[in-house]
Amino acid sequence: MPLAGLSKKKQKGPSPEQQQLLDEYYAVKLELDCARGVFEQVTDPDLISAVVYEINALQTRCSHLLTQLREQNVCNFRVLR
């Protein structure tokens, strides 16, 4: 039985702009996971260099998106890692 005067706050979902950032973050995260899988399989030095470049670019993009999400106080919708 809830205490008088106290009610549970409804947790609002992210705004459309925040949802777009979340969607983009998880898409980039998926690309990063795929690139890491490719890195594990390639043996040609040129391909290794290309995949390392791609991984670095995707990590930078993830960091940028996480910064934007933090600035907009987007949290508790999913674990951001």
C-alpha atoms as a PDB file:
ATOM      1  CA  MET A   1       0.000   0.000   0.000  1.00  0.00           C
ATOM      2  CA  PRO A   2       1.589   3.315  -1.028  1.00  0.00           C
ATOM      3  CA  LEU A   3       2.227   5.964   1.585  1.00  0.00           C
ATOM      4  CA  ALA A   4      -0.075   8.983   1.520  1.00  0.00           C
ATOM      5  CA  GLY A   5       1.287  11.824  -0.546  1.00  0.00           C
ATOM      6  CA  LEU A   6       3.966   9.722  -2.197  1.00  0.00           C
ATOM      7  CA  SER A   7       3.574   8.444  -5.695  1.00  0.00           C
ATOM      8  CA  LYS A   8       5.904   6.728  -8.057  1.00  0.00           C
ATOM      9  CA  LYS A   9       7.318   8.984 -10.702  1.00  0.00           C
ATOM     10  CA  LYS A  10       6.706   7.834 -14.212  1.00  0.00           C
ATOM     11  CA  GLN A  11       9.918   7.428 -16.111  1.00  0.00           C
ATOM     12  CA  LYS A  12       9.560   9.215 -19.387  1.00  0.00           C
ATOM     13  CA  GLY A  13      11.156   7.745 -22.440  1.00  0.00           C
ATOM     14  CA  PRO A  14      13.718   9.600 -24.471  1.00  0.00           C
ATOM     15  CA  SER A  15      12.658  12.433 -26.748  1.00  0.00           C
ATOM     16  CA  PRO A  16      12.710  11.745 -30.500  1.00  0.00           C
ATOM     17  CA  GLU A  17      16.102  13.477 -30.778  1.00  0.00           C
ATOM     18  CA  GLN A  18      17.479  11.453 -27.888  1.00  0.00           C
ATOM     19  CA  GLN A  19      16.063   8.257 -29.364  1.00  0.00           C
ATOM     20  CA  GLN A  20      17.788   9.083 -32.648  1.00  0.00           C
ATOM     21  CA  LEU A  21      21.100   9.472 -30.797  1.00  0.00           C
ATOM     22  CA  LEU A  22      20.524   6.178 -28.988  1.00  0.00           C
ATOM     23  CA  ASP A  23      19.689   4.407 -32.242  1.00  0.00           C
ATOM     24  CA  GLU A  24      22.770   5.836 -33.921  1.00  0.00           C
ATOM     25  CA  TYR A  25      24.951   4.864 -30.962  1.00  0.00           C
ATOM     26  CA  TYR A  26      23.766   1.261 -31.040  1.00  0.00           C
ATOM     27  CA  ALA A  27      24.166   1.088 -34.837  1.00  0.00           C
ATOM     28  CA  VAL A  28      27.765   2.323 -34.573  1.00  0.00           C
ATOM     29  CA  LYS A  29      28.363  -0.084 -31.683  1.00  0.00           C
ATOM     30  CA  LEU A  30      27.163  -2.958 -33.882  1.00  0.00           C
ATOM     31  CA  GLU A  31      29.472  -1.838 -36.703  1.00  0.00           C
ATOM     32  CA  LEU A  32      32.339  -1.705 -34.218  1.00  0.00           C
ATOM     33  CA  ASP A  33      31.639  -5.246 -33.037  1.00  0.00           C
ATOM     34  CA  CYS A  34      31.580  -6.436 -36.671  1.00  0.00           C
ATOM     35  CA  ALA A  35      34.850  -4.661 -37.453  1.00  0.00           C
ATOM     36  CA  ARG A  36      36.474  -6.302 -34.438  1.00  0.00           C
ATOM     37  CA  GLY A  37      35.287  -9.673 -35.742  1.00  0.00           C
ATOM     38  CA  VAL A  38      36.828  -8.947 -39.137  1.00  0.00           C
ATOM     39  CA  PHE A  39      40.079  -7.935 -37.432  1.00  0.00           C
ATOM     40  CA  GLU A  40      40.241 -11.363 -35.796  1.00  0.00           C
ATOM     41  CA  GLN A  41      40.000 -13.061 -39.204  1.00  0.00           C
ATOM     42  CA  VAL A  42      42.201 -11.052 -41.563  1.00  0.00           C
ATOM     43  CA  THR A  43      45.837 -11.884 -42.123  1.00  0.00           C
ATOM     44  CA  ASP A  44      46.869  -9.558 -44.965  1.00  0.00           C
ATOM     45  CA  PRO A  45      48.849  -6.580 -43.578  1.00  0.00           C
ATOM     46  CA  ASP A  46      46.972  -4.093 -45.778  1.00  0.00           C
ATOM     47  CA  LEU A  47      43.604  -5.406 -44.615  1.00  0.00           C
ATOM     48  CA  ILE A  48      44.761  -5.325 -40.998  1.00  0.00           C
ATOM     49  CA  SER A  49      45.704  -1.662 -41.404  1.00  0.00           C
ATOM     50  CA  ALA A  50      42.363  -0.872 -43.004  1.00  0.00           C
ATOM     51  CA  VAL A  51      40.385  -2.599 -40.261  1.00  0.00           C
ATOM     52  CA  VAL A  52      42.431  -0.902 -37.527  1.00  0.00           C
ATOM     53  CA  TYR A  53      41.679   2.456 -39.158  1.00  0.00           C
ATOM     54  CA  GLU A  54      37.972   1.586 -39.297  1.00  0.00           C
ATOM     55  CA  ILE A  55      37.929   0.452 -35.652  1.00  0.00           C
ATOM     56  CA  ASN A  56      39.601   3.679 -34.533  1.00  0.00           C
ATOM     57  CA  ALA A  57      37.097   5.765 -36.491  1.00  0.00           C
ATOM     58  CA  LEU A  58      34.144   3.847 -35.043  1.00  0.00           C
ATOM     59  CA  GLN A  59      35.509   4.144 -31.490  1.00  0.00           C
ATOM     60  CA  THR A  60      35.839   7.896 -31.963  1.00  0.00           C
ATOM     61  CA  ARG A  61      32.269   8.065 -33.271  1.00  0.00           C
ATOM     62  CA  CYS A  62      31.010   6.056 -30.267  1.00  0.00           C
ATOM     63  CA  SER A  63      32.806   8.396 -27.879  1.00  0.00           C
ATOM     64  CA  HIS A  64      31.306  11.415 -29.607  1.00  0.00           C
ATOM     65  CA  LEU A  65      27.787   9.974 -29.426  1.00  0.00           C
ATOM     66  CA  LEU A  66      28.224   9.053 -25.755  1.00  0.00           C
ATOM     67  CA  THR A  67      29.306  12.622 -25.034  1.00  0.00           C
ATOM     68  CA  GLN A  68      26.183  13.927 -26.769  1.00  0.00           C
ATOM     69  CA  LEU A  69      24.001  11.482 -24.832  1.00  0.00           C
ATOM     70  CA  ARG A  70      25.560  12.547 -21.532  1.00  0.00           C
ATOM     71  CA  GLU A  71      25.103  16.231 -22.391  1.00  0.00           C
ATOM     72  CA  GLN A  72      21.397  15.552 -22.956  1.00  0.00           C
ATOM     73  CA  ASN A  73      21.200  13.546 -19.710  1.00  0.00           C
ATOM     74  CA  VAL A  74      20.123  10.388 -21.491  1.00  0.00           C
ATOM     75  CA  CYS A  75      20.528   7.518 -19.074  1.00  0.00           C
ATOM     76  CA  ASN A  76      18.764   4.474 -17.673  1.00  0.00           C
ATOM     77  CA  PHE A  77      17.258   3.483 -21.021  1.00  0.00           C
ATOM     78  CA  ARG A  78      19.915   0.864 -21.616  1.00  0.00           C
ATOM     79  CA  VAL A  79      23.381   0.317 -20.280  1.00  0.00           C
ATOM     80  CA  LEU A  80      25.665   2.560 -22.320  1.00  0.00           C
ATOM     81  CA  ARG A  81      28.933   0.741 -22.904  1.00  0.00           C
END
